[in-house]
Amino acid sequence: MKKKILTTNFLLIFVTLFAQAQEASYGVRLGANLSSISSDDIADDLEDSRFGIVAGFLAEFPVTEKVSIQPEFQYSAQGNDDESLQVDYLQLPVFLKYNFTNRFNIHIGPQVGLKIWEWEQDGVVEADFNTLDFAAVAGIGVNLTENFFADLRYGFGLSNIIDDENIPGDFEGNSRNIQLSFGYKL
């Protein structure tokens, strides 16, 4: 039921935004991810964060002079440093963005991720990851010029990303990441 409500809300937002697309701006962003899986079930020697990349496309739709909606589509390499705990996602964050000035902004919103790759190794018990990851993301941004920008974000996983079907006991973990990225608006 929650997935249907979330999907319906995303569709309503996109339909509304595309109807007002005359002032929309579009862009690309590329950056670095420092991510981890937060879990009491992961051994101490496997807790090191993974350094990865994030790359994607964005659209910004002004609602008022200071408020806009910014949906994005991005690739993100996440997980822990240990190979058995690495997973990559295609993500769709949708931000409510507030511009304090022409230079500084904050943004917050939900994000859904679709697993596209996970480390697999035959003959060894490894973590299997669920197909979807739901997260809340908040960030700050700065417009360096009229077209170039930078942002710093923190993503907090809301769902269990570990599929514990093949692992004895209840094994749970949530994604966490910090992203620093630079972008260009067309």
C-alpha atoms as a PDB file:
ATOM      1  CA  MET A   1       0.000   0.000   0.000  1.00  0.00           C
ATOM      2  CA  LYS A   2       2.822   2.406   0.888  1.00  0.00           C
ATOM      3  CA  LYS A   3       4.482   1.747  -2.478  1.00  0.00           C
ATOM      4  CA  LYS A   4       1.250   2.592  -4.324  1.00  0.00           C
ATOM      5  CA  ILE A   5       0.848   5.850  -2.405  1.00  0.00           C
ATOM      6  CA  LEU A   6       4.502   6.776  -2.995  1.00  0.00           C
ATOM      7  CA  THR A   7       4.250   5.980  -6.711  1.00  0.00           C
ATOM      8  CA  THR A   8       1.030   7.975  -7.055  1.00  0.00           C
ATOM      9  CA  ASN A   9       2.607  10.981  -5.317  1.00  0.00           C
ATOM     10  CA  PHE A  10       5.663  10.841  -7.606  1.00  0.00           C
ATOM     11  CA  LEU A  11       3.435  10.700 -10.688  1.00  0.00           C
ATOM     12  CA  LEU A  12       1.332  13.650  -9.507  1.00  0.00           C
ATOM     13  CA  ILE A  13       4.458  15.709  -8.853  1.00  0.00           C
ATOM     14  CA  PHE A  14       5.888  14.935 -12.296  1.00  0.00           C
ATOM     15  CA  VAL A  15       2.618  15.693 -14.126  1.00  0.00           C
ATOM     16  CA  THR A  16       2.297  19.010 -12.293  1.00  0.00           C
ATOM     17  CA  LEU A  17       5.898  19.930 -12.975  1.00  0.00           C
ATOM     18  CA  PHE A  18       5.855  19.039 -16.652  1.00  0.00           C
ATOM     19  CA  ALA A  19       2.724  21.160 -17.084  1.00  0.00           C
ATOM     20  CA  GLN A  20       4.767  24.151 -15.835  1.00  0.00           C
ATOM     21  CA  ALA A  21       8.002  23.216 -17.618  1.00  0.00           C
ATOM     22  CA  GLN A  22       8.475  26.542 -19.454  1.00  0.00           C
ATOM     23  CA  GLU A  23      10.839  27.798 -16.710  1.00  0.00           C
ATOM     24  CA  ALA A  24      12.539  24.490 -16.050  1.00  0.00           C
ATOM     25  CA  SER A  25      16.303  24.090 -16.064  1.00  0.00           C
ATOM     26  CA  TYR A  26      18.230  20.886 -16.656  1.00  0.00           C
ATOM     27  CA  GLY A  27      21.697  19.722 -15.742  1.00  0.00           C
ATOM     28  CA  VAL A  28      24.205  17.021 -14.911  1.00  0.00           C
ATOM     29  CA  ARG A  29      26.155  16.276 -11.755  1.00  0.00           C
ATOM     30  CA  LEU A  30      29.199  14.156 -10.934  1.00  0.00           C
ATOM     31  CA  GLY A  31      30.751  13.495  -7.566  1.00  0.00           C
ATOM     32  CA  ALA A  32      32.064  11.215  -4.868  1.00  0.00           C
ATOM     33  CA  ASN A  33      30.193   9.008  -2.415  1.00  0.00           C
ATOM     34  CA  LEU A  34      31.380   7.861   0.988  1.00  0.00           C
ATOM     35  CA  SER A  35      28.908   5.171   1.975  1.00  0.00           C
ATOM     36  CA  SER A  36      28.380   2.417   4.500  1.00  0.00           C
ATOM     37  CA  ILE A  37      25.843  -0.111   5.662  1.00  0.00           C
ATOM     38  CA  SER A  38      24.765   0.650   9.201  1.00  0.00           C
ATOM     39  CA  SER A  39      24.136  -2.604  11.054  1.00  0.00           C
ATOM     40  CA  ASP A  40      24.803  -4.225  14.402  1.00  0.00           C
ATOM     41  CA  ASP A  41      25.142  -7.518  12.503  1.00  0.00           C
ATOM     42  CA  ILE A  42      28.260  -6.560  10.487  1.00  0.00           C
ATOM     43  CA  ALA A  43      31.621  -7.565  11.969  1.00  0.00           C
ATOM     44  CA  ASP A  44      33.978  -4.739  13.003  1.00  0.00           C
ATOM     45  CA  ASP A  45      36.545  -5.642  10.335  1.00  0.00           C
ATOM     46  CA  LEU A  46      33.891  -5.174   7.599  1.00  0.00           C
ATOM     47  CA  GLU A  47      32.607  -1.752   8.688  1.00  0.00           C
ATOM     48  CA  ASP A  48      34.970   0.441   6.619  1.00  0.00           C
ATOM     49  CA  SER A  49      33.163   2.850   4.300  1.00  0.00           C
ATOM     50  CA  ARG A  50      33.217   2.493   0.536  1.00  0.00           C
ATOM     51  CA  PHE A  51      34.429   5.322  -1.656  1.00  0.00           C
ATOM     52  CA  GLY A  52      32.450   5.413  -4.910  1.00  0.00           C
ATOM     53  CA  ILE A  53      31.067   7.703  -7.560  1.00  0.00           C
ATOM     54  CA  VAL A  54      27.721   9.323  -8.146  1.00  0.00           C
ATOM     55  CA  ALA A  55      26.651  10.623 -11.567  1.00  0.00           C
ATOM     56  CA  GLY A  56      23.297  11.783 -12.816  1.00  0.00           C
ATOM     57  CA  PHE A  57      20.880  14.115 -14.488  1.00  0.00           C
ATOM     58  CA  LEU A  58      18.548  16.651 -12.890  1.00  0.00           C
ATOM     59  CA  ALA A  59      15.677  18.945 -13.700  1.00  0.00           C
ATOM     60  CA  GLU A  60      14.619  21.937 -11.627  1.00  0.00           C
ATOM     61  CA  PHE A  61      11.059  23.250 -11.743  1.00  0.00           C
ATOM     62  CA  PRO A  62      10.397  26.565  -9.968  1.00  0.00           C
ATOM     63  CA  VAL A  63       7.258  26.682  -7.849  1.00  0.00           C
ATOM     64  CA  THR A  64       7.846  30.184  -6.452  1.00  0.00           C
ATOM     65  CA  GLU A  65      10.797  32.561  -6.573  1.00  0.00           C
ATOM     66  CA  LYS A  66      12.491  30.751  -3.654  1.00  0.00           C
ATOM     67  CA  VAL A  67      11.032  27.210  -3.843  1.00  0.00           C
ATOM     68  CA  SER A  68      11.512  24.589  -6.541  1.00  0.00           C
ATOM     69  CA  ILE A  69      11.118  20.861  -7.086  1.00  0.00           C
ATOM     70  CA  GLN A  70      14.214  19.019  -8.305  1.00  0.00           C
ATOM     71  CA  PRO A  71      13.835  15.408  -9.477  1.00  0.00           C
ATOM     72  CA  GLU A  72      17.021  13.563 -10.398  1.00  0.00           C
ATOM     73  CA  PHE A  73      18.105  10.287 -11.965  1.00  0.00           C
ATOM     74  CA  GLN A  74      21.521   9.032 -10.863  1.00  0.00           C
ATOM     75  CA  TYR A  75      23.927   6.116 -10.537  1.00  0.00           C
ATOM     76  CA  SER A  76      25.466   5.596  -7.088  1.00  0.00           C
ATOM     77  CA  ALA A  77      28.156   3.101  -5.951  1.00  0.00           C
ATOM     78  CA  GLN A  78      27.400   2.228  -2.312  1.00  0.00           C
ATOM     79  CA  GLY A  79      27.990  -0.296   0.466  1.00  0.00           C
ATOM     80  CA  ASN A  80      31.041  -1.004   2.598  1.00  0.00           C
ATOM     81  CA  ASP A  81      34.678  -1.348   1.553  1.00  0.00           C
ATOM     82  CA  ASP A  82      34.577  -5.148   1.787  1.00  0.00           C
ATOM     83  CA  GLU A  83      33.714  -6.634  -1.630  1.00  0.00           C
ATOM     84  CA  SER A  84      30.967  -8.851  -0.189  1.00  0.00           C
ATOM     85  CA  LEU A  85      29.093  -5.720   0.986  1.00  0.00           C
ATOM     86  CA  GLN A  86      29.131  -3.654  -2.206  1.00  0.00           C
ATOM     87  CA  VAL A  87      25.998  -2.712  -4.119  1.00  0.00           C
ATOM     88  CA  ASP A  88      25.260  -0.175  -6.878  1.00  0.00           C
ATOM     89  CA  TYR A  89      21.957   1.592  -7.477  1.00  0.00           C
ATOM     90  CA  LEU A  90      20.037   3.629 -10.004  1.00  0.00           C
ATOM     91  CA  GLN A  91      18.333   6.225  -7.821  1.00  0.00           C
ATOM     92  CA  LEU A  92      15.458   8.638  -8.174  1.00  0.00           C
ATOM     93  CA  PRO A  93      15.581  11.395  -5.545  1.00  0.00           C
ATOM     94  CA  VAL A  94      12.936  14.138  -5.594  1.00  0.00           C
ATOM     95  CA  PHE A  95      13.907  17.263  -3.671  1.00  0.00           C
ATOM     96  CA  LEU A  96      12.017  20.212  -2.309  1.00  0.00           C
ATOM     97  CA  LYS A  97      14.606  22.962  -2.734  1.00  0.00           C
ATOM     98  CA  TYR A  98      14.612  26.294  -0.900  1.00  0.00           C
ATOM     99  CA  ASN A  99      16.869  29.077  -2.219  1.00  0.00           C
ATOM    100  CA  PHE A 100      17.961  31.407   0.593  1.00  0.00           C
ATOM    101  CA  THR A 101      19.700  33.624  -1.968  1.00  0.00           C
ATOM    102  CA  ASN A 102      20.721  33.297  -5.614  1.00  0.00           C
ATOM    103  CA  ARG A 103      23.834  31.515  -4.326  1.00  0.00           C
ATOM    104  CA  PHE A 104      22.820  29.240  -1.378  1.00  0.00           C
ATOM    105  CA  ASN A 105      20.093  26.605  -1.045  1.00  0.00           C
ATOM    106  CA  ILE A 106      18.982  23.630   1.016  1.00  0.00           C
ATOM    107  CA  HIS A 107      17.143  20.610  -0.332  1.00  0.00           C
ATOM    108  CA  ILE A 108      15.361  17.653   1.217  1.00  0.00           C
ATOM    109  CA  GLY A 109      13.336  14.768  -0.087  1.00  0.00           C
ATOM    110  CA  PRO A 110      12.709  11.066  -0.540  1.00  0.00           C
ATOM    111  CA  GLN A 111      14.802   8.767  -2.690  1.00  0.00           C
ATOM    112  CA  VAL A 112      14.147   5.329  -4.117  1.00  0.00           C
ATOM    113  CA  GLY A 113      17.023   3.184  -5.366  1.00  0.00           C
ATOM    114  CA  LEU A 114      16.922   0.180  -7.693  1.00  0.00           C
ATOM    115  CA  LYS A 115      19.763  -2.329  -7.207  1.00  0.00           C
ATOM    116  CA  ILE A 116      21.614  -2.895 -10.494  1.00  0.00           C
ATOM    117  CA  TRP A 117      24.705  -4.720  -9.215  1.00  0.00           C
ATOM    118  CA  GLU A 118      25.957  -6.514  -6.117  1.00  0.00           C
ATOM    119  CA  TRP A 119      29.150  -8.419  -5.416  1.00  0.00           C
ATOM    120  CA  GLU A 120      28.731 -12.153  -5.927  1.00  0.00           C
ATOM    121  CA  GLN A 121      31.228 -14.894  -5.173  1.00  0.00           C
ATOM    122  CA  ASP A 122      30.452 -18.601  -5.559  1.00  0.00           C
ATOM    123  CA  GLY A 123      31.029 -20.898  -2.610  1.00  0.00           C
ATOM    124  CA  VAL A 124      31.183 -18.197   0.068  1.00  0.00           C
ATOM    125  CA  VAL A 125      28.297 -16.861   2.144  1.00  0.00           C
ATOM    126  CA  GLU A 126      27.838 -13.262   1.117  1.00  0.00           C
ATOM    127  CA  ALA A 127      25.151 -10.674   1.720  1.00  0.00           C
ATOM    128  CA  ASP A 128      22.294 -10.523  -0.742  1.00  0.00           C
ATOM    129  CA  PHE A 129      20.657  -7.153  -1.151  1.00  0.00           C
ATOM    130  CA  ASN A 130      16.990  -6.291  -1.585  1.00  0.00           C
ATOM    131  CA  THR A 131      15.997  -4.868  -4.948  1.00  0.00           C
ATOM    132  CA  LEU A 132      14.731  -1.519  -3.603  1.00  0.00           C
ATOM    133  CA  ASP A 133      16.238   0.939  -1.144  1.00  0.00           C
ATOM    134  CA  PHE A 134      14.194   3.802   0.291  1.00  0.00           C
ATOM    135  CA  ALA A 135      16.017   6.764   1.840  1.00  0.00           C
ATOM    136  CA  ALA A 136      15.619  10.329   3.056  1.00  0.00           C
ATOM    137  CA  VAL A 137      18.169  12.801   1.713  1.00  0.00           C
ATOM    138  CA  ALA A 138      19.055  16.327   2.854  1.00  0.00           C
ATOM    139  CA  GLY A 139      21.678  18.665   1.496  1.00  0.00           C
ATOM    140  CA  ILE A 140      23.086  22.130   1.019  1.00  0.00           C
ATOM    141  CA  GLY A 141      24.063  23.660  -2.273  1.00  0.00           C
ATOM    142  CA  VAL A 142      25.950  26.619  -3.621  1.00  0.00           C
ATOM    143  CA  ASN A 143      25.771  28.159  -7.088  1.00  0.00           C
ATOM    144  CA  LEU A 144      29.394  28.847  -8.034  1.00  0.00           C
ATOM    145  CA  THR A 145      28.421  30.674 -11.233  1.00  0.00           C
ATOM    146  CA  GLU A 146      25.189  30.996 -13.195  1.00  0.00           C
ATOM    147  CA  ASN A 147      25.696  27.459 -14.574  1.00  0.00           C
ATOM    148  CA  PHE A 148      28.116  25.655 -12.217  1.00  0.00           C
ATOM    149  CA  PHE A 149      27.057  24.423  -8.770  1.00  0.00           C
ATOM    150  CA  ALA A 150      28.233  22.205  -5.907  1.00  0.00           C
ATOM    151  CA  ASP A 151      26.258  20.315  -3.297  1.00  0.00           C
ATOM    152  CA  LEU A 152      26.869  18.259  -0.179  1.00  0.00           C
ATOM    153  CA  ARG A 153      24.246  15.663   0.796  1.00  0.00           C
ATOM    154  CA  TYR A 154      23.559  13.091   3.461  1.00  0.00           C
ATOM    155  CA  GLY A 155      21.392  10.060   2.694  1.00  0.00           C
ATOM    156  CA  PHE A 156      19.797   8.064   5.486  1.00  0.00           C
ATOM    157  CA  GLY A 157      18.377   4.653   4.571  1.00  0.00           C
ATOM    158  CA  LEU A 158      14.841   4.002   5.760  1.00  0.00           C
ATOM    159  CA  SER A 159      14.514   0.377   4.656  1.00  0.00           C
ATOM    160  CA  ASN A 160      16.425  -2.823   5.329  1.00  0.00           C
ATOM    161  CA  ILE A 161      18.672  -3.377   2.311  1.00  0.00           C
ATOM    162  CA  ILE A 162      19.861  -6.857   3.348  1.00  0.00           C
ATOM    163  CA  ASP A 163      17.922  -9.834   1.990  1.00  0.00           C
ATOM    164  CA  ASP A 164      18.531 -12.243   4.856  1.00  0.00           C
ATOM    165  CA  GLU A 165      16.829 -15.228   3.250  1.00  0.00           C
ATOM    166  CA  ASN A 166      20.158 -17.123   2.879  1.00  0.00           C
ATOM    167  CA  ILE A 167      21.725 -15.830   6.118  1.00  0.00           C
ATOM    168  CA  PRO A 168      21.004 -17.472   9.487  1.00  0.00           C
ATOM    169  CA  GLY A 169      19.278 -15.199  12.015  1.00  0.00           C
ATOM    170  CA  ASP A 170      17.815 -11.755  11.449  1.00  0.00           C
ATOM    171  CA  PHE A 171      20.377  -9.725   9.525  1.00  0.00           C
ATOM    172  CA  GLU A 172      19.444  -6.090   8.934  1.00  0.00           C
ATOM    173  CA  GLY A 173      21.231  -3.072   7.563  1.00  0.00           C
ATOM    174  CA  ASN A 174      20.446   0.426   6.335  1.00  0.00           C
ATOM    175  CA  SER A 175      22.347   2.494   3.812  1.00  0.00           C
ATOM    176  CA  ARG A 176      24.127   5.714   4.786  1.00  0.00           C
ATOM    177  CA  ASN A 177      26.103   7.997   2.505  1.00  0.00           C
ATOM    178  CA  ILE A 178      27.627  11.409   2.124  1.00  0.00           C
ATOM    179  CA  GLN A 179      27.918  12.864  -1.375  1.00  0.00           C
ATOM    180  CA  LEU A 180      29.957  15.781  -2.606  1.00  0.00           C
ATOM    181  CA  SER A 181      29.201  16.633  -6.203  1.00  0.00           C
ATOM    182  CA  PHE A 182      29.686  19.320  -8.803  1.00  0.00           C
ATOM    183  CA  GLY A 183      27.319  20.031 -11.621  1.00  0.00           C
ATOM    184  CA  TYR A 184      26.421  22.096 -14.620  1.00  0.00           C
ATOM    185  CA  LYS A 185      22.977  23.503 -15.493  1.00  0.00           C
ATOM    186  CA  LEU A 186      22.181  24.057 -19.151  1.00  0.00           C
END
